[in-house]
């Protein structure tokens, strides 16, 4: 369940948000949404894979944290063991809300039922005593703006991937050191053979529209799959 409210000092003057890592704070997830604009930043840590929504028929990208549902191998107790976080994780419990008009300016909403919403004595304040945004909220607002703009701009990226048939289904079987196995299914990745066979005009279009770098960053991120398996083995269980 969620309880989305428009963030404002009249209703949320004393709101505090817990910013530490924790499975009970929403970090116990196998993957999260990633936007093409952040692929370059995320590719140093996480595998970036694509999923097809069966209902909408739309593709989206996800930064992979684990090999099983509910597993985040970058979570070490209350510590996030990576140099960065995807924006969709970093902004919780906030989100961008709009009215019926999708072109209307976005508003900062907060999910009051999110576990990161804290009592009056814990976490980071969102507003100061005068009702002005704290530096923490200003940083969140910047990230929300980047996430919203990147998400809205990603439609063209996926249109081109479809047009040039650059996504192929992907699955991976992993046998761990203890003999247990994991199977990663339901994802897609960039078809490198089709990418290499693209005509120069097609590559130029991807480059001119600013999408070619994201394609190559998604490919480069796949080296992190091996690192993810190493993290899984280091946990000492399947």
Foldseek 3Di string as FASTA:
>chain_A
DWDKDFDFCVVAVLWFFAQWDALLQVQQFQKDFAFLVCLLVCLVAFQKWWFADPVVRDITIITGQAQDGRHGLQDDHRHRNDPDDGLVVNLPPWAWDDDPDPPDDTTIMGTCPRPRTDDNPDHHGQAHPVRHGDPVVVVSVVSNVVVVVRVVVCVVLRVLCVVLVQKDFDKDWDQEPVRDIGIRGRTIAGDVVSVVVDDPVSVVVCVVVPNPVSNVSSVSSVVCVVVNSVSVNVVVDD
